[in-house]
């Protein structure tokens, strides 16, 4: 799994990398918060929780389908 590999390599997580890219593209803060917290949607800022939860579900569906 990606998160386990990131932890073993002691590197910045993929969610932080994507959040930085989204910030540099000047995407709305609710999207930045959503990707930053997609593994823990309840930790997302209030305006990002719904999108974060949807990304979390999509992530689980992709993994279940063998696409993760």
PDB file of N, CA and C in Angstrom:
ATOM      1  N   UNK A   1       0.817  -1.213   0.000  1.00  0.00           N
ATOM      2  CA  UNK A   1       0.000   0.000   0.000  1.00  0.00           C
ATOM      3  C   UNK A   1       0.855   1.268   0.000  1.00  0.00           C
ATOM      4  N   UNK A   2       0.348   2.290  -0.633  1.00  0.00           N
ATOM      5  CA  UNK A   2       1.093   3.539  -0.793  1.00  0.00           C
ATOM      6  C   UNK A   2       1.471   4.143   0.546  1.00  0.00           C
ATOM      7  N   UNK A   3       0.538   4.210   1.471  1.00  0.00           N
ATOM      8  CA  UNK A   3       0.828   4.858   2.759  1.00  0.00           C
ATOM      9  C   UNK A   3       1.902   4.116   3.528  1.00  0.00           C
ATOM     10  N   UNK A   4       1.919   2.795   3.448  1.00  0.00           N
ATOM     11  CA  UNK A   4       2.956   2.011   4.130  1.00  0.00           C
ATOM     12  C   UNK A   4       4.323   2.283   3.510  1.00  0.00           C
ATOM     13  N   UNK A   5       4.378   2.362   2.189  1.00  0.00           N
ATOM     14  CA  UNK A   5       5.644   2.662   1.508  1.00  0.00           C
ATOM     15  C   UNK A   5       6.133   4.064   1.873  1.00  0.00           C
ATOM     16  N   UNK A   6       5.214   5.013   1.960  1.00  0.00           N
ATOM     17  CA  UNK A   6       5.595   6.376   2.350  1.00  0.00           C
ATOM     18  C   UNK A   6       6.160   6.393   3.766  1.00  0.00           C
ATOM     19  N   UNK A   7       5.533   5.642   4.660  1.00  0.00           N
ATOM     20  CA  UNK A   7       6.006   5.597   6.047  1.00  0.00           C
ATOM     21  C   UNK A   7       7.390   4.953   6.128  1.00  0.00           C
ATOM     22  N   UNK A   8       7.593   3.871   5.373  1.00  0.00           N
ATOM     23  CA  UNK A   8       8.907   3.208   5.383  1.00  0.00           C
ATOM     24  C   UNK A   8       9.991   4.119   4.836  1.00  0.00           C
ATOM     25  N   UNK A   9       9.659   4.933   3.854  1.00  0.00           N
ATOM     26  CA  UNK A   9      10.634   5.827   3.236  1.00  0.00           C
ATOM     27  C   UNK A   9      10.778   7.147   3.986  1.00  0.00           C
ATOM     28  N   UNK A  10       9.955   7.336   5.030  1.00  0.00           N
ATOM     29  CA  UNK A  10       9.976   8.577   5.813  1.00  0.00           C
ATOM     30  C   UNK A  10       9.811   9.806   4.927  1.00  0.00           C
ATOM     31  N   UNK A  11       8.906   9.700   3.972  1.00  0.00           N
ATOM     32  CA  UNK A  11       8.705  10.833   3.058  1.00  0.00           C
ATOM     33  C   UNK A  11       7.353  11.496   3.316  1.00  0.00           C
ATOM     34  N   UNK A  12       7.178  12.621   2.682  1.00  0.00           N
ATOM     35  CA  UNK A  12       5.919  13.358   2.781  1.00  0.00           C
ATOM     36  C   UNK A  12       4.834  12.510   2.133  1.00  0.00           C
ATOM     37  N   UNK A  13       3.675  12.445   2.758  1.00  0.00           N
ATOM     38  CA  UNK A  13       2.585  11.647   2.230  1.00  0.00           C
ATOM     39  C   UNK A  13       2.017  12.204   0.939  1.00  0.00           C
ATOM     40  N   UNK A  14       1.406  11.315   0.161  1.00  0.00           N
ATOM     41  CA  UNK A  14       0.840  11.721  -1.128  1.00  0.00           C
ATOM     42  C   UNK A  14      -0.250  12.769  -0.965  1.00  0.00           C
ATOM     43  N   UNK A  15      -0.978  12.723   0.160  1.00  0.00           N
ATOM     44  CA  UNK A  15      -2.039  13.709   0.360  1.00  0.00           C
ATOM     45  C   UNK A  15      -1.462  15.121   0.501  1.00  0.00           C
ATOM     46  N   UNK A  16      -0.319  15.247   1.164  1.00  0.00           N
ATOM     47  CA  UNK A  16       0.316  16.569   1.306  1.00  0.00           C
ATOM     48  C   UNK A  16       0.875  17.042  -0.035  1.00  0.00           C
ATOM     49  N   UNK A  17       1.448  16.131  -0.798  1.00  0.00           N
ATOM     50  CA  UNK A  17       1.978  16.501  -2.119  1.00  0.00           C
ATOM     51  C   UNK A  17       0.863  17.021  -3.017  1.00  0.00           C
ATOM     52  N   UNK A  18      -0.263  16.316  -3.043  1.00  0.00           N
ATOM     53  CA  UNK A  18      -1.379  16.748  -3.885  1.00  0.00           C
ATOM     54  C   UNK A  18      -1.938  18.077  -3.392  1.00  0.00           C
ATOM     55  N   UNK A  19      -2.025  18.238  -2.079  1.00  0.00           N
ATOM     56  CA  UNK A  19      -2.520  19.506  -1.525  1.00  0.00           C
ATOM     57  C   UNK A  19      -1.624  20.667  -1.959  1.00  0.00           C
ATOM     58  N   UNK A  20      -0.317  20.464  -1.959  1.00  0.00           N
ATOM     59  CA  UNK A  20       0.601  21.516  -2.403  1.00  0.00           C
ATOM     60  C   UNK A  20       0.409  21.846  -3.878  1.00  0.00           C
ATOM     61  N   UNK A  21       0.205  20.820  -4.686  1.00  0.00           N
ATOM     62  CA  UNK A  21      -0.047  21.056  -6.113  1.00  0.00           C
ATOM     63  C   UNK A  21      -1.351  21.828  -6.285  1.00  0.00           C
ATOM     64  N   UNK A  22      -2.408  21.393  -5.580  1.00  0.00           N
ATOM     65  CA  UNK A  22      -3.695  22.083  -5.672  1.00  0.00           C
ATOM     66  C   UNK A  22      -3.569  23.542  -5.230  1.00  0.00           C
ATOM     67  N   UNK A  23      -2.808  23.789  -4.162  1.00  0.00           N
ATOM     68  CA  UNK A  23      -2.598  25.168  -3.707  1.00  0.00           C
ATOM     69  C   UNK A  23      -1.877  25.979  -4.777  1.00  0.00           C
ATOM     70  N   UNK A  24      -0.853  25.388  -5.396  1.00  0.00           N
ATOM     71  CA  UNK A  24      -0.103  26.123  -6.414  1.00  0.00           C
ATOM     72  C   UNK A  24      -0.966  26.421  -7.642  1.00  0.00           C
ATOM     73  N   UNK A  25      -1.963  25.569  -7.892  1.00  0.00           N
ATOM     74  CA  UNK A  25      -2.899  25.805  -8.995  1.00  0.00           C
ATOM     75  C   UNK A  25      -4.015  26.763  -8.592  1.00  0.00           C
ATOM     76  N   UNK A  26      -3.975  27.195  -7.331  1.00  0.00           N
ATOM     77  CA  UNK A  26      -4.974  28.121  -6.783  1.00  0.00           C
ATOM     78  C   UNK A  26      -6.402  27.559  -6.854  1.00  0.00           C
ATOM     79  N   UNK A  27      -6.503  26.241  -6.584  1.00  0.00           N
ATOM     80  CA  UNK A  27      -7.821  25.616  -6.509  1.00  0.00           C
ATOM     81  C   UNK A  27      -8.488  26.026  -5.201  1.00  0.00           C
ATOM     82  N   UNK A  28      -9.786  25.911  -5.117  1.00  0.00           N
ATOM     83  CA  UNK A  28     -10.505  26.335  -3.913  1.00  0.00           C
ATOM     84  C   UNK A  28     -10.011  25.608  -2.661  1.00  0.00           C
ATOM     85  N   UNK A  29      -9.969  26.329  -1.537  1.00  0.00           N
ATOM     86  CA  UNK A  29      -9.488  25.736  -0.285  1.00  0.00           C
ATOM     87  C   UNK A  29     -10.249  24.478   0.133  1.00  0.00           C
ATOM     88  N   UNK A  30     -11.540  24.381  -0.216  1.00  0.00           N
ATOM     89  CA  UNK A  30     -12.269  23.176   0.186  1.00  0.00           C
ATOM     90  C   UNK A  30     -11.747  21.939  -0.552  1.00  0.00           C
ATOM     91  N   UNK A  31     -11.236  22.101  -1.776  1.00  0.00           N
ATOM     92  CA  UNK A  31     -10.637  20.963  -2.480  1.00  0.00           C
ATOM     93  C   UNK A  31      -9.276  20.608  -1.897  1.00  0.00           C
ATOM     94  N   UNK A  32      -8.510  21.625  -1.537  1.00  0.00           N
ATOM     95  CA  UNK A  32      -7.209  21.388  -0.905  1.00  0.00           C
ATOM     96  C   UNK A  32      -7.421  20.624   0.404  1.00  0.00           C
ATOM     97  N   UNK A  33      -8.369  21.081   1.216  1.00  0.00           N
ATOM     98  CA  UNK A  33      -8.664  20.397   2.480  1.00  0.00           C
ATOM     99  C   UNK A  33      -9.178  18.990   2.279  1.00  0.00           C
ATOM    100  N   UNK A  34      -9.948  18.793   1.210  1.00  0.00           N
ATOM    101  CA  UNK A  34     -10.500  17.467   0.932  1.00  0.00           C
ATOM    102  C   UNK A  34      -9.404  16.458   0.612  1.00  0.00           C
ATOM    103  N   UNK A  35      -8.466  16.830  -0.258  1.00  0.00           N
ATOM    104  CA  UNK A  35      -7.402  15.873  -0.591  1.00  0.00           C
ATOM    105  C   UNK A  35      -6.433  15.696   0.566  1.00  0.00           C
ATOM    106  N   UNK A  36      -6.229  16.750   1.320  1.00  0.00           N
ATOM    107  CA  UNK A  36      -5.311  16.670   2.455  1.00  0.00           C
ATOM    108  C   UNK A  36      -5.818  15.708   3.525  1.00  0.00           C
ATOM    109  N   UNK A  37      -7.128  15.587   3.651  1.00  0.00           N
ATOM    110  CA  UNK A  37      -7.720  14.767   4.714  1.00  0.00           C
ATOM    111  C   UNK A  37      -8.526  13.589   4.188  1.00  0.00           C
ATOM    112  N   UNK A  38      -8.282  13.144   2.958  1.00  0.00           N
ATOM    113  CA  UNK A  38      -9.132  12.094   2.404  1.00  0.00           C
ATOM    114  C   UNK A  38      -9.013  10.752   3.112  1.00  0.00           C
ATOM    115  N   UNK A  39      -7.971  10.550   3.894  1.00  0.00           N
ATOM    116  CA  UNK A  39      -7.871   9.317   4.686  1.00  0.00           C
ATOM    117  C   UNK A  39      -8.562   9.483   6.044  1.00  0.00           C
ATOM    118  N   UNK A  40      -8.801  10.717   6.454  1.00  0.00           N
ATOM    119  CA  UNK A  40      -9.467  11.025   7.727  1.00  0.00           C
ATOM    120  C   UNK A  40     -10.443  12.175   7.501  1.00  0.00           C
ATOM    121  N   UNK A  41     -11.558  11.916   6.827  1.00  0.00           N
ATOM    122  CA  UNK A  41     -12.482  12.990   6.461  1.00  0.00           C
ATOM    123  C   UNK A  41     -13.003  13.813   7.632  1.00  0.00           C
ATOM    124  N   UNK A  42     -13.153  13.205   8.790  1.00  0.00           N
ATOM    125  CA  UNK A  42     -13.676  13.965   9.935  1.00  0.00           C
ATOM    126  C   UNK A  42     -12.665  14.972  10.464  1.00  0.00           C
ATOM    127  N   UNK A  43     -11.398  14.828  10.085  1.00  0.00           N
ATOM    128  CA  UNK A  43     -10.364  15.785  10.491  1.00  0.00           C
ATOM    129  C   UNK A  43     -10.287  16.978   9.532  1.00  0.00           C
ATOM    130  N   UNK A  44     -11.011  16.891   8.427  1.00  0.00           N
ATOM    131  CA  UNK A  44     -11.007  17.977   7.436  1.00  0.00           C
ATOM    132  C   UNK A  44     -11.743  19.190   7.982  1.00  0.00           C
ATOM    133  N   UNK A  45     -11.387  20.383   7.501  1.00  0.00           N
ATOM    134  CA  UNK A  45     -12.151  21.570   7.876  1.00  0.00           C
ATOM    135  C   UNK A  45     -13.620  21.373   7.481  1.00  0.00           C
ATOM    136  N   UNK A  46     -14.509  22.013   8.188  1.00  0.00           N
ATOM    137  CA  UNK A  46     -15.947  21.823   7.977  1.00  0.00           C
ATOM    138  C   UNK A  46     -16.352  21.956   6.510  1.00  0.00           C
ATOM    139  N   UNK A  47     -15.801  22.910   5.799  1.00  0.00           N
ATOM    140  CA  UNK A  47     -16.163  23.125   4.403  1.00  0.00           C
ATOM    141  C   UNK A  47     -15.616  22.085   3.448  1.00  0.00           C
ATOM    142  N   UNK A  48     -14.755  21.203   3.943  1.00  0.00           N
ATOM    143  CA  UNK A  48     -14.133  20.186   3.095  1.00  0.00           C
ATOM    144  C   UNK A  48     -14.588  18.769   3.419  1.00  0.00           C
ATOM    145  N   UNK A  49     -15.357  18.596   4.482  1.00  0.00           N
ATOM    146  CA  UNK A  49     -15.672  17.241   4.948  1.00  0.00           C
ATOM    147  C   UNK A  49     -16.459  16.400   3.959  1.00  0.00           C
ATOM    148  N   UNK A  50     -17.449  16.982   3.312  1.00  0.00           N
ATOM    149  CA  UNK A  50     -18.266  16.191   2.386  1.00  0.00           C
ATOM    150  C   UNK A  50     -17.421  15.707   1.215  1.00  0.00           C
ATOM    151  N   UNK A  51     -16.653  16.617   0.610  1.00  0.00           N
ATOM    152  CA  UNK A  51     -15.815  16.229  -0.525  1.00  0.00           C
ATOM    153  C   UNK A  51     -14.740  15.254  -0.065  1.00  0.00           C
ATOM    154  N   UNK A  52     -14.174  15.478   1.101  1.00  0.00           N
ATOM    155  CA  UNK A  52     -13.167  14.580   1.642  1.00  0.00           C
ATOM    156  C   UNK A  52     -13.734  13.182   1.853  1.00  0.00           C
ATOM    157  N   UNK A  53     -14.950  13.103   2.376  1.00  0.00           N
ATOM    158  CA  UNK A  53     -15.601  11.805   2.581  1.00  0.00           C
ATOM    159  C   UNK A  53     -15.860  11.113   1.242  1.00  0.00           C
ATOM    160  N   UNK A  54     -16.264  11.877   0.228  1.00  0.00           N
ATOM    161  CA  UNK A  54     -16.493  11.297  -1.097  1.00  0.00           C
ATOM    162  C   UNK A  54     -15.194  10.760  -1.700  1.00  0.00           C
ATOM    163  N   UNK A  55     -14.110  11.504  -1.531  1.00  0.00           N
ATOM    164  CA  UNK A  55     -12.808  11.037  -2.024  1.00  0.00           C
ATOM    165  C   UNK A  55     -12.396   9.778  -1.267  1.00  0.00           C
ATOM    166  N   UNK A  56     -12.663   9.739   0.032  1.00  0.00           N
ATOM    167  CA  UNK A  56     -12.349   8.564   0.845  1.00  0.00           C
ATOM    168  C   UNK A  56     -13.109   7.341   0.342  1.00  0.00           C
ATOM    169  N   UNK A  57     -14.400   7.503   0.083  1.00  0.00           N
ATOM    170  CA  UNK A  57     -15.204   6.385  -0.430  1.00  0.00           C
ATOM    171  C   UNK A  57     -14.690   5.950  -1.801  1.00  0.00           C
ATOM    172  N   UNK A  58     -14.409   6.906  -2.679  1.00  0.00           N
ATOM    173  CA  UNK A  58     -13.896   6.582  -4.003  1.00  0.00           C
ATOM    174  C   UNK A  58     -12.571   5.831  -3.901  1.00  0.00           C
ATOM    175  N   UNK A  59     -11.733   6.218  -2.963  1.00  0.00           N
ATOM    176  CA  UNK A  59     -10.465   5.550  -2.735  1.00  0.00           C
ATOM    177  C   UNK A  59     -10.697   4.084  -2.354  1.00  0.00           C
ATOM    178  N   UNK A  60     -11.628   3.847  -1.442  1.00  0.00           N
ATOM    179  CA  UNK A  60     -11.932   2.475  -1.007  1.00  0.00           C
ATOM    180  C   UNK A  60     -12.543   1.653  -2.136  1.00  0.00           C
ATOM    181  N   UNK A  61     -13.382   2.262  -2.940  1.00  0.00           N
ATOM    182  CA  UNK A  61     -13.977   1.557  -4.084  1.00  0.00           C
ATOM    183  C   UNK A  61     -12.886   1.174  -5.077  1.00  0.00           C
ATOM    184  N   UNK A  62     -11.978   2.100  -5.363  1.00  0.00           N
ATOM    185  CA  UNK A  62     -10.886   1.815  -6.290  1.00  0.00           C
ATOM    186  C   UNK A  62     -10.001   0.684  -5.785  1.00  0.00           C
ATOM    187  N   UNK A  63      -9.681   0.711  -4.516  1.00  0.00           N
ATOM    188  CA  UNK A  63      -8.853  -0.349  -3.933  1.00  0.00           C
ATOM    189  C   UNK A  63      -9.578  -1.680  -3.994  1.00  0.00           C
ATOM    190  N   UNK A  64     -10.866  -1.679  -3.658  1.00  0.00           N
ATOM    191  CA  UNK A  64     -11.663  -2.912  -3.707  1.00  0.00           C
ATOM    192  C   UNK A  64     -11.756  -3.478  -5.115  1.00  0.00           C
ATOM    193  N   UNK A  65     -11.709  -2.602  -6.110  1.00  0.00           N
ATOM    194  CA  UNK A  65     -11.787  -3.031  -7.503  1.00  0.00           C
ATOM    195  C   UNK A  65     -10.407  -3.416  -8.046  1.00  0.00           C
ATOM    196  N   UNK A  66      -9.393  -3.362  -7.193  1.00  0.00           N
ATOM    197  CA  UNK A  66      -8.038  -3.715  -7.626  1.00  0.00           C
ATOM    198  C   UNK A  66      -7.335  -2.609  -8.386  1.00  0.00           C
ATOM    199  N   UNK A  67      -7.816  -1.379  -8.227  1.00  0.00           N
ATOM    200  CA  UNK A  67      -7.222  -0.251  -8.948  1.00  0.00           C
ATOM    201  C   UNK A  67      -6.362   0.636  -8.061  1.00  0.00           C
ATOM    202  N   UNK A  68      -6.172   0.261  -6.813  1.00  0.00           N
ATOM    203  CA  UNK A  68      -5.438   1.105  -5.885  1.00  0.00           C
ATOM    204  C   UNK A  68      -3.984   0.763  -5.791  1.00  0.00           C
TER     205      UNK A  68
END
